């Protein structure tokens, strides 16, 4: 993939390598901080944590969204890029709509 000319593959690699980095530099795998973290990784970090908190997991039930957002807000500026976090919060109505739409689709039995 290193020699690929496909931009989507380059972004996928960038996201895979950076979405566990944290704004304050305490993340992994490279301890990147702030603007050194690719923007795509900063965006996916937010989406990943939101999804992990508001959706059921095999090891625990979903947190209510207000509780999940409180946890995320406490990490604004440490885990999350403050500017991207603020945009995320502004987009919450649309994010909720999409989440509910996807959940509804998952509950529909497939046609056989």
PDB file of N, CA and C in Angstrom:
ATOM      1  N   UNK A   1       0.809  -1.186   0.000  1.00  0.00           N
ATOM      2  CA  UNK A   1       0.000   0.000   0.000  1.00  0.00           C
ATOM      3  C   UNK A   1       0.860   1.260   0.000  1.00  0.00           C
ATOM      4  N   UNK A   2       2.075   1.171   0.469  1.00  0.00           N
ATOM      5  CA  UNK A   2       2.938   2.332   0.524  1.00  0.00           C
ATOM      6  C   UNK A   2       3.160   2.983  -0.823  1.00  0.00           C
ATOM      7  N   UNK A   3       3.073   2.216  -1.882  1.00  0.00           N
ATOM      8  CA  UNK A   3       3.284   2.773  -3.211  1.00  0.00           C
ATOM      9  C   UNK A   3       1.978   2.970  -3.979  1.00  0.00           C
ATOM     10  N   UNK A   4       0.867   2.820  -3.315  1.00  0.00           N
ATOM     11  CA  UNK A   4      -0.429   2.964  -3.974  1.00  0.00           C
ATOM     12  C   UNK A   4      -0.681   4.416  -4.357  1.00  0.00           C
ATOM     13  N   UNK A   5      -1.355   4.595  -5.483  1.00  0.00           N
ATOM     14  CA  UNK A   5      -1.780   5.925  -5.917  1.00  0.00           C
ATOM     15  C   UNK A   5      -3.227   6.198  -5.529  1.00  0.00           C
ATOM     16  N   UNK A   6      -3.831   5.309  -4.766  1.00  0.00           N
ATOM     17  CA  UNK A   6      -5.230   5.433  -4.398  1.00  0.00           C
ATOM     18  C   UNK A   6      -5.322   6.260  -3.115  1.00  0.00           C
ATOM     19  N   UNK A   7      -5.889   7.460  -3.247  1.00  0.00           N
ATOM     20  CA  UNK A   7      -5.932   8.380  -2.099  1.00  0.00           C
ATOM     21  C   UNK A   7      -6.743   7.811  -0.940  1.00  0.00           C
ATOM     22  N   UNK A   8      -7.797   7.053  -1.231  1.00  0.00           N
ATOM     23  CA  UNK A   8      -8.606   6.471  -0.162  1.00  0.00           C
ATOM     24  C   UNK A   8      -7.773   5.522   0.700  1.00  0.00           C
ATOM     25  N   UNK A   9      -6.883   4.765   0.078  1.00  0.00           N
ATOM     26  CA  UNK A   9      -6.018   3.863   0.844  1.00  0.00           C
ATOM     27  C   UNK A   9      -5.033   4.645   1.708  1.00  0.00           C
ATOM     28  N   UNK A  10      -4.548   5.755   1.194  1.00  0.00           N
ATOM     29  CA  UNK A  10      -3.649   6.596   1.999  1.00  0.00           C
ATOM     30  C   UNK A  10      -4.379   7.150   3.218  1.00  0.00           C
ATOM     31  N   UNK A  11      -5.620   7.587   3.022  1.00  0.00           N
ATOM     32  CA  UNK A  11      -6.391   8.107   4.155  1.00  0.00           C
ATOM     33  C   UNK A  11      -6.698   6.988   5.144  1.00  0.00           C
ATOM     34  N   UNK A  12      -7.037   5.798   4.647  1.00  0.00           N
ATOM     35  CA  UNK A  12      -7.327   4.679   5.546  1.00  0.00           C
ATOM     36  C   UNK A  12      -6.106   4.356   6.405  1.00  0.00           C
ATOM     37  N   UNK A  13      -4.938   4.373   5.805  1.00  0.00           N
ATOM     38  CA  UNK A  13      -3.707   4.127   6.563  1.00  0.00           C
ATOM     39  C   UNK A  13      -3.490   5.224   7.604  1.00  0.00           C
ATOM     40  N   UNK A  14      -3.700   6.465   7.192  1.00  0.00           N
ATOM     41  CA  UNK A  14      -3.549   7.607   8.087  1.00  0.00           C
ATOM     42  C   UNK A  14      -4.473   7.479   9.293  1.00  0.00           C
ATOM     43  N   UNK A  15      -5.725   7.110   9.046  1.00  0.00           N
ATOM     44  CA  UNK A  15      -6.701   6.951  10.126  1.00  0.00           C
ATOM     45  C   UNK A  15      -6.305   5.799  11.040  1.00  0.00           C
ATOM     46  N   UNK A  16      -5.943   4.660  10.433  1.00  0.00           N
ATOM     47  CA  UNK A  16      -5.571   3.492  11.232  1.00  0.00           C
ATOM     48  C   UNK A  16      -4.397   3.806  12.156  1.00  0.00           C
ATOM     49  N   UNK A  17      -3.462   4.616  11.684  1.00  0.00           N
ATOM     50  CA  UNK A  17      -2.268   4.923  12.464  1.00  0.00           C
ATOM     51  C   UNK A  17      -2.431   6.101  13.423  1.00  0.00           C
ATOM     52  N   UNK A  18      -3.533   6.849  13.313  1.00  0.00           N
ATOM     53  CA  UNK A  18      -3.602   8.061  14.130  1.00  0.00           C
ATOM     54  C   UNK A  18      -4.861   8.224  14.971  1.00  0.00           C
ATOM     55  N   UNK A  19      -5.865   7.383  14.823  1.00  0.00           N
ATOM     56  CA  UNK A  19      -7.113   7.650  15.545  1.00  0.00           C
ATOM     57  C   UNK A  19      -7.045   7.325  17.037  1.00  0.00           C
ATOM     58  N   UNK A  20      -5.923   6.751  17.500  1.00  0.00           N
ATOM     59  CA  UNK A  20      -5.744   6.537  18.945  1.00  0.00           C
ATOM     60  C   UNK A  20      -4.736   7.524  19.541  1.00  0.00           C
ATOM     61  N   UNK A  21      -4.300   8.463  18.721  1.00  0.00           N
ATOM     62  CA  UNK A  21      -3.470   9.550  19.247  1.00  0.00           C
ATOM     63  C   UNK A  21      -4.387  10.500  20.010  1.00  0.00           C
ATOM     64  N   UNK A  22      -3.833  11.263  20.934  1.00  0.00           N
ATOM     65  CA  UNK A  22      -4.636  12.202  21.723  1.00  0.00           C
ATOM     66  C   UNK A  22      -4.070  13.611  21.570  1.00  0.00           C
ATOM     67  N   UNK A  23      -4.957  14.571  21.615  1.00  0.00           N
ATOM     68  CA  UNK A  23      -4.600  15.967  21.401  1.00  0.00           C
ATOM     69  C   UNK A  23      -3.432  16.405  22.291  1.00  0.00           C
ATOM     70  N   UNK A  24      -3.382  15.873  23.517  1.00  0.00           N
ATOM     71  CA  UNK A  24      -2.316  16.277  24.453  1.00  0.00           C
ATOM     72  C   UNK A  24      -1.034  15.457  24.305  1.00  0.00           C
ATOM     73  N   UNK A  25      -1.001  14.530  23.347  1.00  0.00           N
ATOM     74  CA  UNK A  25       0.213  13.745  23.100  1.00  0.00           C
ATOM     75  C   UNK A  25       0.301  12.459  23.886  1.00  0.00           C
ATOM     76  N   UNK A  26      -0.705  12.126  24.667  1.00  0.00           N
ATOM     77  CA  UNK A  26      -0.643  10.935  25.517  1.00  0.00           C
ATOM     78  C   UNK A  26      -1.179   9.671  24.837  1.00  0.00           C
ATOM     79  N   UNK A  27      -1.519   9.760  23.557  1.00  0.00           N
ATOM     80  CA  UNK A  27      -2.069   8.602  22.858  1.00  0.00           C
ATOM     81  C   UNK A  27      -0.994   7.701  22.267  1.00  0.00           C
ATOM     82  N   UNK A  28      -1.416   6.813  21.405  1.00  0.00           N
ATOM     83  CA  UNK A  28      -0.503   5.872  20.762  1.00  0.00           C
ATOM     84  C   UNK A  28      -0.898   5.700  19.302  1.00  0.00           C
ATOM     85  N   UNK A  29      -0.081   5.214  18.437  1.00  0.00           N
ATOM     86  CA  UNK A  29       1.189   4.524  18.677  1.00  0.00           C
ATOM     87  C   UNK A  29       2.416   5.435  18.710  1.00  0.00           C
ATOM     88  N   UNK A  30       2.275   6.701  18.285  1.00  0.00           N
ATOM     89  CA  UNK A  30       3.459   7.548  18.142  1.00  0.00           C
ATOM     90  C   UNK A  30       3.512   8.742  19.080  1.00  0.00           C
ATOM     91  N   UNK A  31       2.533   8.888  19.965  1.00  0.00           N
ATOM     92  CA  UNK A  31       2.537  10.007  20.896  1.00  0.00           C
ATOM     93  C   UNK A  31       2.428  11.361  20.210  1.00  0.00           C
ATOM     94  N   UNK A  32       1.739  11.400  19.065  1.00  0.00           N
ATOM     95  CA  UNK A  32       1.558  12.670  18.360  1.00  0.00           C
ATOM     96  C   UNK A  32       0.646  13.577  19.179  1.00  0.00           C
ATOM     97  N   UNK A  33       0.825  14.884  19.008  1.00  0.00           N
ATOM     98  CA  UNK A  33       0.002  15.851  19.737  1.00  0.00           C
ATOM     99  C   UNK A  33      -0.481  16.940  18.795  1.00  0.00           C
ATOM    100  N   UNK A  34      -1.630  17.518  19.134  1.00  0.00           N
ATOM    101  CA  UNK A  34      -2.147  18.676  18.426  1.00  0.00           C
ATOM    102  C   UNK A  34      -2.232  18.486  16.929  1.00  0.00           C
ATOM    103  N   UNK A  35      -1.797  19.515  16.215  1.00  0.00           N
ATOM    104  CA  UNK A  35      -1.878  19.534  14.755  1.00  0.00           C
ATOM    105  C   UNK A  35      -1.001  18.469  14.088  1.00  0.00           C
ATOM    106  N   UNK A  36      -0.097  17.848  14.827  1.00  0.00           N
ATOM    107  CA  UNK A  36       0.713  16.768  14.261  1.00  0.00           C
ATOM    108  C   UNK A  36      -0.126  15.525  13.980  1.00  0.00           C
ATOM    109  N   UNK A  37      -1.273  15.429  14.632  1.00  0.00           N
ATOM    110  CA  UNK A  37      -2.194  14.318  14.380  1.00  0.00           C
ATOM    111  C   UNK A  37      -2.961  14.649  13.107  1.00  0.00           C
ATOM    112  N   UNK A  38      -2.954  13.764  12.119  1.00  0.00           N
ATOM    113  CA  UNK A  38      -3.713  14.060  10.904  1.00  0.00           C
ATOM    114  C   UNK A  38      -5.180  14.358  11.233  1.00  0.00           C
ATOM    115  N   UNK A  39      -5.744  15.318  10.518  1.00  0.00           N
ATOM    116  CA  UNK A  39      -7.127  15.724  10.773  1.00  0.00           C
ATOM    117  C   UNK A  39      -8.083  14.544  10.669  1.00  0.00           C
ATOM    118  N   UNK A  40      -7.848  13.654   9.713  1.00  0.00           N
ATOM    119  CA  UNK A  40      -8.727  12.490   9.569  1.00  0.00           C
ATOM    120  C   UNK A  40      -8.704  11.636  10.828  1.00  0.00           C
ATOM    121  N   UNK A  41      -7.571  11.480  11.452  1.00  0.00           N
ATOM    122  CA  UNK A  41      -7.467  10.716  12.695  1.00  0.00           C
ATOM    123  C   UNK A  41      -8.162  11.402  13.843  1.00  0.00           C
ATOM    124  N   UNK A  42      -8.095  12.745  13.885  1.00  0.00           N
ATOM    125  CA  UNK A  42      -8.766  13.497  14.947  1.00  0.00           C
ATOM    126  C   UNK A  42     -10.286  13.381  14.830  1.00  0.00           C
ATOM    127  N   UNK A  43     -10.781  13.386  13.597  1.00  0.00           N
ATOM    128  CA  UNK A  43     -12.222  13.253  13.377  1.00  0.00           C
ATOM    129  C   UNK A  43     -12.676  11.844  13.741  1.00  0.00           C
ATOM    130  N   UNK A  44     -11.948  10.837  13.271  1.00  0.00           N
ATOM    131  CA  UNK A  44     -12.335   9.451  13.539  1.00  0.00           C
ATOM    132  C   UNK A  44     -12.212   9.126  15.023  1.00  0.00           C
ATOM    133  N   UNK A  45     -11.274   9.724  15.725  1.00  0.00           N
ATOM    134  CA  UNK A  45     -11.160   9.506  17.170  1.00  0.00           C
ATOM    135  C   UNK A  45     -12.459   9.870  17.874  1.00  0.00           C
ATOM    136  N   UNK A  46     -13.039  10.998  17.500  1.00  0.00           N
ATOM    137  CA  UNK A  46     -14.314  11.421  18.086  1.00  0.00           C
ATOM    138  C   UNK A  46     -15.432  10.448  17.739  1.00  0.00           C
ATOM    139  N   UNK A  47     -15.533  10.115  16.470  1.00  0.00           N
ATOM    140  CA  UNK A  47     -16.593   9.198  16.035  1.00  0.00           C
ATOM    141  C   UNK A  47     -16.444   7.837  16.700  1.00  0.00           C
ATOM    142  N   UNK A  48     -15.220   7.378  16.840  1.00  0.00           N
ATOM    143  CA  UNK A  48     -14.942   6.074  17.435  1.00  0.00           C
ATOM    144  C   UNK A  48     -15.357   6.043  18.906  1.00  0.00           C
ATOM    145  N   UNK A  49     -14.997   7.078  19.652  1.00  0.00           N
ATOM    146  CA  UNK A  49     -15.345   7.121  21.072  1.00  0.00           C
ATOM    147  C   UNK A  49     -16.856   7.279  21.240  1.00  0.00           C
ATOM    148  N   UNK A  50     -17.465   8.148  20.453  1.00  0.00           N
ATOM    149  CA  UNK A  50     -18.920   8.325  20.535  1.00  0.00           C
ATOM    150  C   UNK A  50     -19.619   6.994  20.288  1.00  0.00           C
ATOM    151  N   UNK A  51     -19.246   6.314  19.230  1.00  0.00           N
ATOM    152  CA  UNK A  51     -19.847   5.018  18.907  1.00  0.00           C
ATOM    153  C   UNK A  51     -19.621   4.013  20.034  1.00  0.00           C
ATOM    154  N   UNK A  52     -18.413   3.973  20.560  1.00  0.00           N
ATOM    155  CA  UNK A  52     -18.095   3.015  21.622  1.00  0.00           C
ATOM    156  C   UNK A  52     -18.925   3.262  22.876  1.00  0.00           C
ATOM    157  N   UNK A  53     -19.263   4.521  23.131  1.00  0.00           N
ATOM    158  CA  UNK A  53     -20.011   4.846  24.345  1.00  0.00           C
ATOM    159  C   UNK A  53     -21.521   4.684  24.191  1.00  0.00           C
ATOM    160  N   UNK A  54     -22.068   5.066  23.040  1.00  0.00           N
ATOM    161  CA  UNK A  54     -23.532   5.085  22.904  1.00  0.00           C
ATOM    162  C   UNK A  54     -24.114   3.798  22.324  1.00  0.00           C
ATOM    163  N   UNK A  55     -23.262   2.861  21.942  1.00  0.00           N
ATOM    164  CA  UNK A  55     -23.743   1.589  21.408  1.00  0.00           C
ATOM    165  C   UNK A  55     -23.428   0.469  22.403  1.00  0.00           C
ATOM    166  N   UNK A  56     -24.317  -0.519  22.435  1.00  0.00           N
ATOM    167  CA  UNK A  56     -24.071  -1.680  23.293  1.00  0.00           C
ATOM    168  C   UNK A  56     -22.789  -2.379  22.871  1.00  0.00           C
ATOM    169  N   UNK A  57     -22.087  -2.884  23.843  1.00  0.00           N
ATOM    170  CA  UNK A  57     -20.895  -3.701  23.616  1.00  0.00           C
ATOM    171  C   UNK A  57     -21.143  -5.044  24.273  1.00  0.00           C
ATOM    172  N   UNK A  58     -20.412  -6.055  23.882  1.00  0.00           N
ATOM    173  CA  UNK A  58     -20.618  -7.380  24.477  1.00  0.00           C
ATOM    174  C   UNK A  58     -20.297  -7.364  25.967  1.00  0.00           C
ATOM    175  N   UNK A  59     -19.468  -6.437  26.393  1.00  0.00           N
ATOM    176  CA  UNK A  59     -19.033  -6.395  27.791  1.00  0.00           C
ATOM    177  C   UNK A  59     -19.785  -5.374  28.647  1.00  0.00           C
ATOM    178  N   UNK A  60     -20.696  -4.555  28.007  1.00  0.00           N
ATOM    179  CA  UNK A  60     -21.475  -3.597  28.786  1.00  0.00           C
ATOM    180  C   UNK A  60     -22.549  -2.978  27.897  1.00  0.00           C
ATOM    181  N   UNK A  61     -23.630  -2.522  28.526  1.00  0.00           N
ATOM    182  CA  UNK A  61     -24.664  -1.839  27.740  1.00  0.00           C
ATOM    183  C   UNK A  61     -24.217  -0.416  27.374  1.00  0.00           C
ATOM    184  N   UNK A  62     -24.891   0.155  26.403  1.00  0.00           N
ATOM    185  CA  UNK A  62     -24.602   1.527  25.985  1.00  0.00           C
ATOM    186  C   UNK A  62     -24.846   2.499  27.134  1.00  0.00           C
ATOM    187  N   UNK A  63     -24.058   3.566  27.153  1.00  0.00           N
ATOM    188  CA  UNK A  63     -24.314   4.660  28.087  1.00  0.00           C
ATOM    189  C   UNK A  63     -25.412   5.526  27.487  1.00  0.00           C
ATOM    190  N   UNK A  64     -26.255   6.122  28.317  1.00  0.00           N
ATOM    191  CA  UNK A  64     -27.194   7.118  27.795  1.00  0.00           C
ATOM    192  C   UNK A  64     -26.386   8.250  27.143  1.00  0.00           C
ATOM    193  N   UNK A  65     -26.902   8.790  26.063  1.00  0.00           N
ATOM    194  CA  UNK A  65     -26.134   9.795  25.334  1.00  0.00           C
ATOM    195  C   UNK A  65     -25.698  10.972  26.207  1.00  0.00           C
ATOM    196  N   UNK A  66     -26.534  11.529  27.081  1.00  0.00           N
ATOM    197  CA  UNK A  66     -26.055  12.647  27.915  1.00  0.00           C
ATOM    198  C   UNK A  66     -24.828  12.275  28.754  1.00  0.00           C
ATOM    199  N   UNK A  67     -24.813  11.065  29.274  1.00  0.00           N
ATOM    200  CA  UNK A  67     -23.658  10.608  30.068  1.00  0.00           C
ATOM    201  C   UNK A  67     -22.430  10.452  29.170  1.00  0.00           C
ATOM    202  N   UNK A  68     -22.617   9.861  27.989  1.00  0.00           N
ATOM    203  CA  UNK A  68     -21.506   9.696  27.051  1.00  0.00           C
ATOM    204  C   UNK A  68     -20.936  11.057  26.652  1.00  0.00           C
ATOM    205  N   UNK A  69     -21.811  12.012  26.370  1.00  0.00           N
ATOM    206  CA  UNK A  69     -21.346  13.343  25.977  1.00  0.00           C
ATOM    207  C   UNK A  69     -20.636  14.057  27.119  1.00  0.00           C
ATOM    208  N   UNK A  70     -21.078  13.833  28.345  1.00  0.00           N
ATOM    209  CA  UNK A  70     -20.384  14.419  29.495  1.00  0.00           C
ATOM    210  C   UNK A  70     -18.974  13.856  29.606  1.00  0.00           C
ATOM    211  N   UNK A  71     -18.845  12.540  29.395  1.00  0.00           N
ATOM    212  CA  UNK A  71     -17.508  11.922  29.429  1.00  0.00           C
ATOM    213  C   UNK A  71     -16.618  12.506  28.333  1.00  0.00           C
ATOM    214  N   UNK A  72     -17.190  12.642  27.137  1.00  0.00           N
ATOM    215  CA  UNK A  72     -16.412  13.171  26.020  1.00  0.00           C
ATOM    216  C   UNK A  72     -16.042  14.632  26.244  1.00  0.00           C
ATOM    217  N   UNK A  73     -16.978  15.412  26.767  1.00  0.00           N
ATOM    218  CA  UNK A  73     -16.716  16.831  27.015  1.00  0.00           C
ATOM    219  C   UNK A  73     -15.567  17.008  28.005  1.00  0.00           C
ATOM    220  N   UNK A  74     -15.484  16.115  28.977  1.00  0.00           N
ATOM    221  CA  UNK A  74     -14.394  16.212  29.956  1.00  0.00           C
ATOM    222  C   UNK A  74     -13.031  15.951  29.313  1.00  0.00           C
ATOM    223  N   UNK A  75     -13.027  15.402  28.111  1.00  0.00           N
ATOM    224  CA  UNK A  75     -11.778  15.120  27.394  1.00  0.00           C
ATOM    225  C   UNK A  75     -11.507  16.087  26.249  1.00  0.00           C
ATOM    226  N   UNK A  76     -12.328  17.137  26.144  1.00  0.00           N
ATOM    227  CA  UNK A  76     -12.103  18.176  25.132  1.00  0.00           C
ATOM    228  C   UNK A  76     -10.805  18.901  25.482  1.00  0.00           C
ATOM    229  N   UNK A  77      -9.875  18.910  24.556  1.00  0.00           N
ATOM    230  CA  UNK A  77      -8.602  19.580  24.790  1.00  0.00           C
ATOM    231  C   UNK A  77      -7.519  18.678  25.341  1.00  0.00           C
ATOM    232  N   UNK A  78      -7.880  17.483  25.785  1.00  0.00           N
ATOM    233  CA  UNK A  78      -6.872  16.504  26.208  1.00  0.00           C
ATOM    234  C   UNK A  78      -6.868  15.345  25.218  1.00  0.00           C
ATOM    235  N   UNK A  79      -7.983  14.643  25.114  1.00  0.00           N
ATOM    236  CA  UNK A  79      -8.102  13.556  24.137  1.00  0.00           C
ATOM    237  C   UNK A  79      -8.463  14.115  22.754  1.00  0.00           C
ATOM    238  N   UNK A  80      -9.401  15.062  22.738  1.00  0.00           N
ATOM    239  CA  UNK A  80      -9.962  15.536  21.484  1.00  0.00           C
ATOM    240  C   UNK A  80      -9.518  16.951  21.129  1.00  0.00           C
ATOM    241  N   UNK A  81      -9.322  17.186  19.839  1.00  0.00           N
ATOM    242  CA  UNK A  81      -9.065  18.513  19.293  1.00  0.00           C
ATOM    243  C   UNK A  81     -10.271  19.393  19.656  1.00  0.00           C
ATOM    244  N   UNK A  82     -10.068  20.473  20.401  1.00  0.00           N
ATOM    245  CA  UNK A  82     -11.205  21.292  20.831  1.00  0.00           C
ATOM    246  C   UNK A  82     -12.050  21.826  19.675  1.00  0.00           C
ATOM    247  N   UNK A  83     -11.423  22.240  18.604  1.00  0.00           N
ATOM    248  CA  UNK A  83     -12.155  22.789  17.465  1.00  0.00           C
ATOM    249  C   UNK A  83     -13.022  21.723  16.797  1.00  0.00           C
ATOM    250  N   UNK A  84     -12.461  20.553  16.593  1.00  0.00           N
ATOM    251  CA  UNK A  84     -13.218  19.464  15.972  1.00  0.00           C
ATOM    252  C   UNK A  84     -14.308  18.985  16.930  1.00  0.00           C
ATOM    253  N   UNK A  85     -14.009  18.947  18.216  1.00  0.00           N
ATOM    254  CA  UNK A  85     -15.030  18.558  19.193  1.00  0.00           C
ATOM    255  C   UNK A  85     -16.220  19.516  19.132  1.00  0.00           C
ATOM    256  N   UNK A  86     -15.950  20.816  19.057  1.00  0.00           N
ATOM    257  CA  UNK A  86     -17.032  21.796  18.993  1.00  0.00           C
ATOM    258  C   UNK A  86     -17.878  21.605  17.739  1.00  0.00           C
ATOM    259  N   UNK A  87     -17.238  21.296  16.620  1.00  0.00           N
ATOM    260  CA  UNK A  87     -17.988  21.022  15.388  1.00  0.00           C
ATOM    261  C   UNK A  87     -18.830  19.767  15.542  1.00  0.00           C
ATOM    262  N   UNK A  88     -18.260  18.758  16.184  1.00  0.00           N
ATOM    263  CA  UNK A  88     -18.986  17.516  16.445  1.00  0.00           C
ATOM    264  C   UNK A  88     -20.265  17.817  17.241  1.00  0.00           C
ATOM    265  N   UNK A  89     -20.133  18.601  18.288  1.00  0.00           N
ATOM    266  CA  UNK A  89     -21.291  18.944  19.120  1.00  0.00           C
ATOM    267  C   UNK A  89     -22.336  19.684  18.284  1.00  0.00           C
ATOM    268  N   UNK A  90     -21.903  20.588  17.426  1.00  0.00           N
ATOM    269  CA  UNK A  90     -22.843  21.320  16.569  1.00  0.00           C
ATOM    270  C   UNK A  90     -23.563  20.400  15.580  1.00  0.00           C
ATOM    271  N   UNK A  91     -22.922  19.300  15.217  1.00  0.00           N
ATOM    272  CA  UNK A  91     -23.512  18.352  14.264  1.00  0.00           C
ATOM    273  C   UNK A  91     -24.310  17.238  14.945  1.00  0.00           C
ATOM    274  N   UNK A  92     -24.409  17.273  16.264  1.00  0.00           N
ATOM    275  CA  UNK A  92     -25.087  16.190  16.986  1.00  0.00           C
ATOM    276  C   UNK A  92     -26.500  15.877  16.490  1.00  0.00           C
ATOM    277  N   UNK A  93     -27.317  16.865  16.151  1.00  0.00           N
ATOM    278  CA  UNK A  93     -28.650  16.493  15.648  1.00  0.00           C
ATOM    279  C   UNK A  93     -28.577  15.585  14.410  1.00  0.00           C
ATOM    280  N   UNK A  94     -27.687  15.895  13.501  1.00  0.00           N
ATOM    281  CA  UNK A  94     -27.536  15.066  12.300  1.00  0.00           C
ATOM    282  C   UNK A  94     -26.910  13.717  12.641  1.00  0.00           C
ATOM    283  N   UNK A  95     -25.948  13.709  13.547  1.00  0.00           N
ATOM    284  CA  UNK A  95     -25.312  12.455  13.965  1.00  0.00           C
ATOM    285  C   UNK A  95     -26.343  11.541  14.629  1.00  0.00           C
ATOM    286  N   UNK A  96     -27.185  12.104  15.469  1.00  0.00           N
ATOM    287  CA  UNK A  96     -28.255  11.320  16.114  1.00  0.00           C
ATOM    288  C   UNK A  96     -29.201  10.732  15.073  1.00  0.00           C
ATOM    289  N   UNK A  97     -29.573  11.548  14.089  1.00  0.00           N
ATOM    290  CA  UNK A  97     -30.480  11.078  13.047  1.00  0.00           C
ATOM    291  C   UNK A  97     -29.876   9.887  12.309  1.00  0.00           C
ATOM    292  N   UNK A  98     -28.625   9.999  11.957  1.00  0.00           N
ATOM    293  CA  UNK A  98     -27.955   8.916  11.239  1.00  0.00           C
ATOM    294  C   UNK A  98     -27.850   7.681  12.126  1.00  0.00           C
ATOM    295  N   UNK A  99     -27.489   7.876  13.396  1.00  0.00           N
ATOM    296  CA  UNK A  99     -27.365   6.738  14.319  1.00  0.00           C
ATOM    297  C   UNK A  99     -28.692   5.995  14.445  1.00  0.00           C
ATOM    298  N   UNK A 100     -29.770   6.730  14.598  1.00  0.00           N
ATOM    299  CA  UNK A 100     -31.081   6.089  14.719  1.00  0.00           C
ATOM    300  C   UNK A 100     -31.492   5.407  13.418  1.00  0.00           C
ATOM    301  N   UNK A 101     -31.174   6.007  12.303  1.00  0.00           N
ATOM    302  CA  UNK A 101     -31.479   5.409  11.008  1.00  0.00           C
ATOM    303  C   UNK A 101     -30.733   4.086  10.835  1.00  0.00           C
ATOM    304  N   UNK A 102     -29.468   4.072  11.199  1.00  0.00           N
ATOM    305  CA  UNK A 102     -28.662   2.853  11.092  1.00  0.00           C
ATOM    306  C   UNK A 102     -29.180   1.789  12.049  1.00  0.00           C
ATOM    307  N   UNK A 103     -29.537   2.188  13.269  1.00  0.00           N
ATOM    308  CA  UNK A 103     -30.093   1.222  14.229  1.00  0.00           C
ATOM    309  C   UNK A 103     -31.393   0.631  13.701  1.00  0.00           C
ATOM    310  N   UNK A 104     -32.239   1.452  13.108  1.00  0.00           N
ATOM    311  CA  UNK A 104     -33.495   0.962  12.547  1.00  0.00           C
ATOM    312  C   UNK A 104     -33.237  -0.038  11.418  1.00  0.00           C
ATOM    313  N   UNK A 105     -32.260   0.253  10.572  1.00  0.00           N
ATOM    314  CA  UNK A 105     -31.928  -0.656   9.475  1.00  0.00           C
ATOM    315  C   UNK A 105     -31.398  -1.979   9.996  1.00  0.00           C
ATOM    316  N   UNK A 106     -30.646  -1.941  11.074  1.00  0.00           N
ATOM    317  CA  UNK A 106     -30.093  -3.167  11.658  1.00  0.00           C
ATOM    318  C   UNK A 106     -31.191  -4.063  12.260  1.00  0.00           C
ATOM    319  N   UNK A 107     -32.301  -3.451  12.650  1.00  0.00           N
ATOM    320  CA  UNK A 107     -33.369  -4.242  13.289  1.00  0.00           C
ATOM    321  C   UNK A 107     -34.336  -4.859  12.287  1.00  0.00           C
ATOM    322  N   UNK A 108     -34.211  -4.516  11.017  1.00  0.00           N
ATOM    323  CA  UNK A 108     -35.083  -5.053   9.975  1.00  0.00           C
ATOM    324  C   UNK A 108     -34.560  -6.419   9.534  1.00  0.00           C
ATOM    325  N   UNK A 109     -35.462  -7.384   9.463  1.00  0.00           N
ATOM    326  CA  UNK A 109     -35.103  -8.718   9.003  1.00  0.00           C
ATOM    327  C   UNK A 109     -34.763  -8.683   7.515  1.00  0.00           C
ATOM    328  N   UNK A 110     -33.688  -9.333   7.108  1.00  0.00           N
ATOM    329  CA  UNK A 110     -33.349  -9.346   5.673  1.00  0.00           C
ATOM    330  C   UNK A 110     -34.369 -10.168   4.889  1.00  0.00           C
ATOM    331  N   UNK A 111     -34.613  -9.748   3.640  1.00  0.00           N
ATOM    332  CA  UNK A 111     -35.489 -10.500   2.752  1.00  0.00           C
ATOM    333  C   UNK A 111     -34.750 -11.760   2.298  1.00  0.00           C
ATOM    334  N   UNK A 112     -35.452 -12.877   2.385  1.00  0.00           N
ATOM    335  CA  UNK A 112     -34.845 -14.148   1.935  1.00  0.00           C
ATOM    336  C   UNK A 112     -35.454 -14.601   0.643  1.00  0.00           C
TER     337      UNK A 112
END
